[in-house]
Amino acid sequence: MKRENILIPKPRSNFVSIQCEKCGAKTVVFSHTTRNISCSGCGEPLATSSGSKALITGKVLGVLDQ
């Protein structure tokens, strides 16, 4: 098989920009985080870890390109 025809797998995880619903502070979080992420301004939980993808409770502003 030629080198040009070999497919390179794309990662399913990425970084997400999240805005807090309470105070409006913006935070960049990894989509498959293993820790609970809280807002730096008010302490409101933004992302809760689960087995795979994090449960995001804040407003998602966008996905950052790699």
PDB file of N, CA and C in Angstrom:
ATOM      1  N   MET A   1       0.847  -1.167   0.000  1.00  0.00           N
ATOM      2  CA  MET A   1       0.000   0.000   0.000  1.00  0.00           C
ATOM      3  C   MET A   1       0.896   1.236   0.000  1.00  0.00           C
ATOM      4  N   LYS A   2       0.508   2.213  -0.805  1.00  0.00           N
ATOM      5  CA  LYS A   2       1.291   3.434  -0.884  1.00  0.00           C
ATOM      6  C   LYS A   2       1.122   4.270   0.379  1.00  0.00           C
ATOM      7  N   ARG A   3       2.128   5.053   0.643  1.00  0.00           N
ATOM      8  CA  ARG A   3       2.121   5.886   1.834  1.00  0.00           C
ATOM      9  C   ARG A   3       1.011   6.943   1.791  1.00  0.00           C
ATOM     10  N   GLU A   4       0.654   7.408   0.608  1.00  0.00           N
ATOM     11  CA  GLU A   4      -0.380   8.434   0.472  1.00  0.00           C
ATOM     12  C   GLU A   4      -1.765   7.897   0.815  1.00  0.00           C
ATOM     13  N   ASN A   5      -1.951   6.584   0.693  1.00  0.00           N
ATOM     14  CA  ASN A   5      -3.263   5.993   0.917  1.00  0.00           C
ATOM     15  C   ASN A   5      -3.501   5.543   2.349  1.00  0.00           C
ATOM     16  N   ILE A   6      -2.500   5.600   3.198  1.00  0.00           N
ATOM     17  CA  ILE A   6      -2.653   5.177   4.583  1.00  0.00           C
ATOM     18  C   ILE A   6      -3.336   6.296   5.364  1.00  0.00           C
ATOM     19  N   LEU A   7      -4.449   5.967   6.001  1.00  0.00           N
ATOM     20  CA  LEU A   7      -5.202   6.955   6.757  1.00  0.00           C
ATOM     21  C   LEU A   7      -4.609   7.135   8.148  1.00  0.00           C
ATOM     22  N   ILE A   8      -4.552   8.385   8.573  1.00  0.00           N
ATOM     23  CA  ILE A   8      -4.050   8.711   9.905  1.00  0.00           C
ATOM     24  C   ILE A   8      -5.273   8.970  10.784  1.00  0.00           C
ATOM     25  N   PRO A   9      -5.414   8.269  11.901  1.00  0.00           N
ATOM     26  CA  PRO A   9      -6.595   8.472  12.743  1.00  0.00           C
ATOM     27  C   PRO A   9      -6.602   9.850  13.395  1.00  0.00           C
ATOM     28  N   LYS A  10      -7.781  10.452  13.476  1.00  0.00           N
ATOM     29  CA  LYS A  10      -7.956  11.756  14.116  1.00  0.00           C
ATOM     30  C   LYS A  10      -8.354  11.549  15.575  1.00  0.00           C
ATOM     31  N   PRO A  11      -7.854  12.362  16.476  1.00  0.00           N
ATOM     32  CA  PRO A  11      -8.245  12.212  17.883  1.00  0.00           C
ATOM     33  C   PRO A  11      -9.700  12.641  18.087  1.00  0.00           C
ATOM     34  N   ARG A  12     -10.387  11.974  19.002  1.00  0.00           N
ATOM     35  CA  ARG A  12     -11.782  12.296  19.298  1.00  0.00           C
ATOM     36  C   ARG A  12     -11.904  13.313  20.417  1.00  0.00           C
ATOM     37  N   SER A  13     -10.807  13.609  21.063  1.00  0.00           N
ATOM     38  CA  SER A  13     -10.820  14.585  22.151  1.00  0.00           C
ATOM     39  C   SER A  13     -10.320  15.927  21.641  1.00  0.00           C
ATOM     40  N   ASN A  14     -10.712  17.001  22.312  1.00  0.00           N
ATOM     41  CA  ASN A  14     -10.271  18.333  21.935  1.00  0.00           C
ATOM     42  C   ASN A  14     -10.440  19.273  23.127  1.00  0.00           C
ATOM     43  N   PHE A  15     -10.028  20.495  22.950  1.00  0.00           N
ATOM     44  CA  PHE A  15     -10.181  21.505  23.980  1.00  0.00           C
ATOM     45  C   PHE A  15     -11.434  22.323  23.684  1.00  0.00           C
ATOM     46  N   VAL A  16     -12.184  22.663  24.743  1.00  0.00           N
ATOM     47  CA  VAL A  16     -13.457  23.356  24.601  1.00  0.00           C
ATOM     48  C   VAL A  16     -13.411  24.630  25.430  1.00  0.00           C
ATOM     49  N   SER A  17     -13.900  25.720  24.857  1.00  0.00           N
ATOM     50  CA  SER A  17     -14.004  26.979  25.582  1.00  0.00           C
ATOM     51  C   SER A  17     -15.385  27.037  26.230  1.00  0.00           C
ATOM     52  N   ILE A  18     -15.417  27.234  27.559  1.00  0.00           N
ATOM     53  CA  ILE A  18     -16.664  27.211  28.329  1.00  0.00           C
ATOM     54  C   ILE A  18     -16.827  28.542  29.056  1.00  0.00           C
ATOM     55  N   GLN A  19     -18.076  29.020  29.109  1.00  0.00           N
ATOM     56  CA  GLN A  19     -18.391  30.244  29.849  1.00  0.00           C
ATOM     57  C   GLN A  19     -19.292  29.888  31.023  1.00  0.00           C
ATOM     58  N   CYS A  20     -18.999  30.440  32.170  1.00  0.00           N
ATOM     59  CA  CYS A  20     -19.791  30.202  33.378  1.00  0.00           C
ATOM     60  C   CYS A  20     -21.153  30.876  33.232  1.00  0.00           C
ATOM     61  N   GLU A  21     -22.203  30.166  33.639  1.00  0.00           N
ATOM     62  CA  GLU A  21     -23.559  30.705  33.555  1.00  0.00           C
ATOM     63  C   GLU A  21     -23.797  31.808  34.590  1.00  0.00           C
ATOM     64  N   LYS A  22     -23.133  31.712  35.738  1.00  0.00           N
ATOM     65  CA  LYS A  22     -23.355  32.672  36.820  1.00  0.00           C
ATOM     66  C   LYS A  22     -22.608  33.984  36.612  1.00  0.00           C
ATOM     67  N   CYS A  23     -21.266  33.895  36.493  1.00  0.00           N
ATOM     68  CA  CYS A  23     -20.464  35.120  36.472  1.00  0.00           C
ATOM     69  C   CYS A  23     -19.953  35.494  35.086  1.00  0.00           C
ATOM     70  N   GLY A  24     -19.990  34.579  34.119  1.00  0.00           N
ATOM     71  CA  GLY A  24     -19.571  34.887  32.759  1.00  0.00           C
ATOM     72  C   GLY A  24     -18.082  34.714  32.500  1.00  0.00           C
ATOM     73  N   ALA A  25     -17.342  34.126  33.438  1.00  0.00           N
ATOM     74  CA  ALA A  25     -15.905  33.905  33.238  1.00  0.00           C
ATOM     75  C   ALA A  25     -15.695  32.790  32.217  1.00  0.00           C
ATOM     76  N   LYS A  26     -14.659  32.951  31.388  1.00  0.00           N
ATOM     77  CA  LYS A  26     -14.365  31.972  30.343  1.00  0.00           C
ATOM     78  C   LYS A  26     -13.210  31.080  30.763  1.00  0.00           C
ATOM     79  N   THR A  27     -13.311  29.790  30.430  1.00  0.00           N
ATOM     80  CA  THR A  27     -12.302  28.804  30.792  1.00  0.00           C
ATOM     81  C   THR A  27     -12.130  27.832  29.635  1.00  0.00           C
ATOM     82  N   VAL A  28     -10.900  27.387  29.397  1.00  0.00           N
ATOM     83  CA  VAL A  28     -10.623  26.363  28.400  1.00  0.00           C
ATOM     84  C   VAL A  28     -10.420  25.046  29.127  1.00  0.00           C
ATOM     85  N   VAL A  29     -11.178  24.007  28.707  1.00  0.00           N
ATOM     86  CA  VAL A  29     -11.200  22.721  29.389  1.00  0.00           C
ATOM     87  C   VAL A  29     -10.983  21.620  28.360  1.00  0.00           C
ATOM     88  N   PHE A  30     -10.288  20.558  28.755  1.00  0.00           N
ATOM     89  CA  PHE A  30     -10.118  19.377  27.914  1.00  0.00           C
ATOM     90  C   PHE A  30     -11.423  18.585  27.923  1.00  0.00           C
ATOM     91  N   SER A  31     -11.852  18.087  26.767  1.00  0.00           N
ATOM     92  CA  SER A  31     -13.165  17.434  26.668  1.00  0.00           C
ATOM     93  C   SER A  31     -13.242  16.114  27.430  1.00  0.00           C
ATOM     94  N   HIS A  32     -12.129  15.434  27.647  1.00  0.00           N
ATOM     95  CA  HIS A  32     -12.110  14.162  28.364  1.00  0.00           C
ATOM     96  C   HIS A  32     -11.360  14.316  29.686  1.00  0.00           C
ATOM     97  N   THR A  33     -11.675  15.364  30.420  1.00  0.00           N
ATOM     98  CA  THR A  33     -10.954  15.649  31.659  1.00  0.00           C
ATOM     99  C   THR A  33     -11.226  14.587  32.721  1.00  0.00           C
ATOM    100  N   THR A  34     -10.252  14.361  33.570  1.00  0.00           N
ATOM    101  CA  THR A  34     -10.389  13.369  34.640  1.00  0.00           C
ATOM    102  C   THR A  34     -10.591  14.029  35.997  1.00  0.00           C
ATOM    103  N   ARG A  35     -10.691  15.352  36.021  1.00  0.00           N
ATOM    104  CA  ARG A  35     -10.913  16.082  37.265  1.00  0.00           C
ATOM    105  C   ARG A  35     -12.166  16.928  37.133  1.00  0.00           C
ATOM    106  N   ASN A  36     -12.763  17.262  38.252  1.00  0.00           N
ATOM    107  CA  ASN A  36     -13.894  18.175  38.260  1.00  0.00           C
ATOM    108  C   ASN A  36     -13.361  19.595  38.152  1.00  0.00           C
ATOM    109  N   ILE A  37     -13.868  20.351  37.187  1.00  0.00           N
ATOM    110  CA  ILE A  37     -13.410  21.713  36.933  1.00  0.00           C
ATOM    111  C   ILE A  37     -14.464  22.674  37.445  1.00  0.00           C
ATOM    112  N   SER A  38     -14.023  23.656  38.249  1.00  0.00           N
ATOM    113  CA  SER A  38     -14.944  24.670  38.755  1.00  0.00           C
ATOM    114  C   SER A  38     -14.483  26.046  38.282  1.00  0.00           C
ATOM    115  N   CYS A  39     -15.402  26.997  38.300  1.00  0.00           N
ATOM    116  CA  CYS A  39     -15.133  28.357  37.847  1.00  0.00           C
ATOM    117  C   CYS A  39     -14.140  29.033  38.789  1.00  0.00           C
ATOM    118  N   SER A  40     -13.218  29.783  38.226  1.00  0.00           N
ATOM    119  CA  SER A  40     -12.223  30.464  39.053  1.00  0.00           C
ATOM    120  C   SER A  40     -12.808  31.684  39.747  1.00  0.00           C
ATOM    121  N   GLY A  41     -13.906  32.224  39.215  1.00  0.00           N
ATOM    122  CA  GLY A  41     -14.502  33.411  39.812  1.00  0.00           C
ATOM    123  C   GLY A  41     -15.485  33.114  40.927  1.00  0.00           C
ATOM    124  N   CYS A  42     -16.448  32.212  40.657  1.00  0.00           N
ATOM    125  CA  CYS A  42     -17.515  31.991  41.641  1.00  0.00           C
ATOM    126  C   CYS A  42     -17.513  30.590  42.240  1.00  0.00           C
ATOM    127  N   GLY A  43     -16.744  29.655  41.693  1.00  0.00           N
ATOM    128  CA  GLY A  43     -16.670  28.312  42.242  1.00  0.00           C
ATOM    129  C   GLY A  43     -17.744  27.367  41.736  1.00  0.00           C
ATOM    130  N   GLU A  44     -18.554  27.810  40.791  1.00  0.00           N
ATOM    131  CA  GLU A  44     -19.611  26.980  40.205  1.00  0.00           C
ATOM    132  C   GLU A  44     -18.978  25.858  39.382  1.00  0.00           C
ATOM    133  N   PRO A  45     -19.471  24.612  39.475  1.00  0.00           N
ATOM    134  CA  PRO A  45     -18.880  23.522  38.679  1.00  0.00           C
ATOM    135  C   PRO A  45     -19.143  23.713  37.182  1.00  0.00           C
ATOM    136  N   LEU A  46     -18.083  23.616  36.372  1.00  0.00           N
ATOM    137  CA  LEU A  46     -18.205  23.775  34.922  1.00  0.00           C
ATOM    138  C   LEU A  46     -18.183  22.443  34.199  1.00  0.00           C
ATOM    139  N   ALA A  47     -17.339  21.517  34.659  1.00  0.00           N
ATOM    140  CA  ALA A  47     -17.237  20.205  34.021  1.00  0.00           C
ATOM    141  C   ALA A  47     -17.035  19.149  35.098  1.00  0.00           C
ATOM    142  N   THR A  48     -17.786  18.065  34.978  1.00  0.00           N
ATOM    143  CA  THR A  48     -17.696  16.960  35.923  1.00  0.00           C
ATOM    144  C   THR A  48     -17.151  15.755  35.185  1.00  0.00           C
ATOM    145  N   SER A  49     -16.141  15.104  35.765  1.00  0.00           N
ATOM    146  CA  SER A  49     -15.537  13.954  35.094  1.00  0.00           C
ATOM    147  C   SER A  49     -16.484  12.768  35.124  1.00  0.00           C
ATOM    148  N   SER A  50     -16.398  11.963  34.074  1.00  0.00           N
ATOM    149  CA  SER A  50     -17.171  10.722  33.992  1.00  0.00           C
ATOM    150  C   SER A  50     -16.227   9.663  33.431  1.00  0.00           C
ATOM    151  N   GLY A  51     -16.736   8.564  32.995  1.00  0.00           N
ATOM    152  CA  GLY A  51     -15.881   7.503  32.481  1.00  0.00           C
ATOM    153  C   GLY A  51     -15.157   7.878  31.214  1.00  0.00           C
ATOM    154  N   SER A  52     -15.771   8.699  30.367  1.00  0.00           N
ATOM    155  CA  SER A  52     -15.132   9.077  29.112  1.00  0.00           C
ATOM    156  C   SER A  52     -15.185  10.584  28.936  1.00  0.00           C
ATOM    157  N   LYS A  53     -16.166  11.104  28.227  1.00  0.00           N
ATOM    158  CA  LYS A  53     -16.277  12.540  28.038  1.00  0.00           C
ATOM    159  C   LYS A  53     -16.778  13.205  29.314  1.00  0.00           C
ATOM    160  N   ALA A  54     -16.303  14.412  29.555  1.00  0.00           N
ATOM    161  CA  ALA A  54     -16.735  15.150  30.743  1.00  0.00           C
ATOM    162  C   ALA A  54     -18.149  15.681  30.541  1.00  0.00           C
ATOM    163  N   LEU A  55     -18.904  15.761  31.617  1.00  0.00           N
ATOM    164  CA  LEU A  55     -20.238  16.352  31.572  1.00  0.00           C
ATOM    165  C   LEU A  55     -20.090  17.852  31.772  1.00  0.00           C
ATOM    166  N   ILE A  56     -20.304  18.622  30.720  1.00  0.00           N
ATOM    167  CA  ILE A  56     -20.091  20.061  30.745  1.00  0.00           C
ATOM    168  C   ILE A  56     -21.395  20.735  31.146  1.00  0.00           C
ATOM    169  N   THR A  57     -21.351  21.521  32.232  1.00  0.00           N
ATOM    170  CA  THR A  57     -22.548  22.192  32.722  1.00  0.00           C
ATOM    171  C   THR A  57     -22.584  23.660  32.344  1.00  0.00           C
ATOM    172  N   GLY A  58     -21.471  24.232  31.915  1.00  0.00           N
ATOM    173  CA  GLY A  58     -21.440  25.622  31.497  1.00  0.00           C
ATOM    174  C   GLY A  58     -21.847  25.763  30.046  1.00  0.00           C
ATOM    175  N   LYS A  59     -21.854  26.989  29.547  1.00  0.00           N
ATOM    176  CA  LYS A  59     -22.201  27.277  28.152  1.00  0.00           C
ATOM    177  C   LYS A  59     -20.974  27.069  27.276  1.00  0.00           C
ATOM    178  N   VAL A  60     -21.084  26.215  26.266  1.00  0.00           N
ATOM    179  CA  VAL A  60     -19.967  25.936  25.360  1.00  0.00           C
ATOM    180  C   VAL A  60     -19.884  27.045  24.330  1.00  0.00           C
ATOM    181  N   LEU A  61     -18.751  27.752  24.308  1.00  0.00           N
ATOM    182  CA  LEU A  61     -18.555  28.836  23.349  1.00  0.00           C
ATOM    183  C   LEU A  61     -18.015  28.331  22.018  1.00  0.00           C
ATOM    184  N   GLY A  62     -17.180  27.308  22.071  1.00  0.00           N
ATOM    185  CA  GLY A  62     -16.623  26.780  20.838  1.00  0.00           C
ATOM    186  C   GLY A  62     -15.587  25.718  21.111  1.00  0.00           C
ATOM    187  N   VAL A  63     -15.256  24.995  20.047  1.00  0.00           N
ATOM    188  CA  VAL A  63     -14.238  23.961  20.108  1.00  0.00           C
ATOM    189  C   VAL A  63     -12.980  24.529  19.487  1.00  0.00           C
ATOM    190  N   LEU A  64     -11.861  24.409  20.177  1.00  0.00           N
ATOM    191  CA  LEU A  64     -10.599  24.948  19.681  1.00  0.00           C
ATOM    192  C   LEU A  64      -9.974  23.955  18.706  1.00  0.00           C
ATOM    193  N   ASP A  65      -9.485  24.475  17.586  1.00  0.00           N
ATOM    194  CA  ASP A  65      -8.846  23.636  16.579  1.00  0.00           C
ATOM    195  C   ASP A  65      -7.480  23.195  17.047  1.00  0.00           C
ATOM    196  N   GLN A  66      -7.042  22.104  16.457  1.00  0.00           N
ATOM    197  CA  GLN A  66      -5.743  21.565  16.835  1.00  0.00           C
ATOM    198  C   GLN A  66      -4.679  21.986  15.884  1.00  0.00           C
TER     199      GLN A  66
END
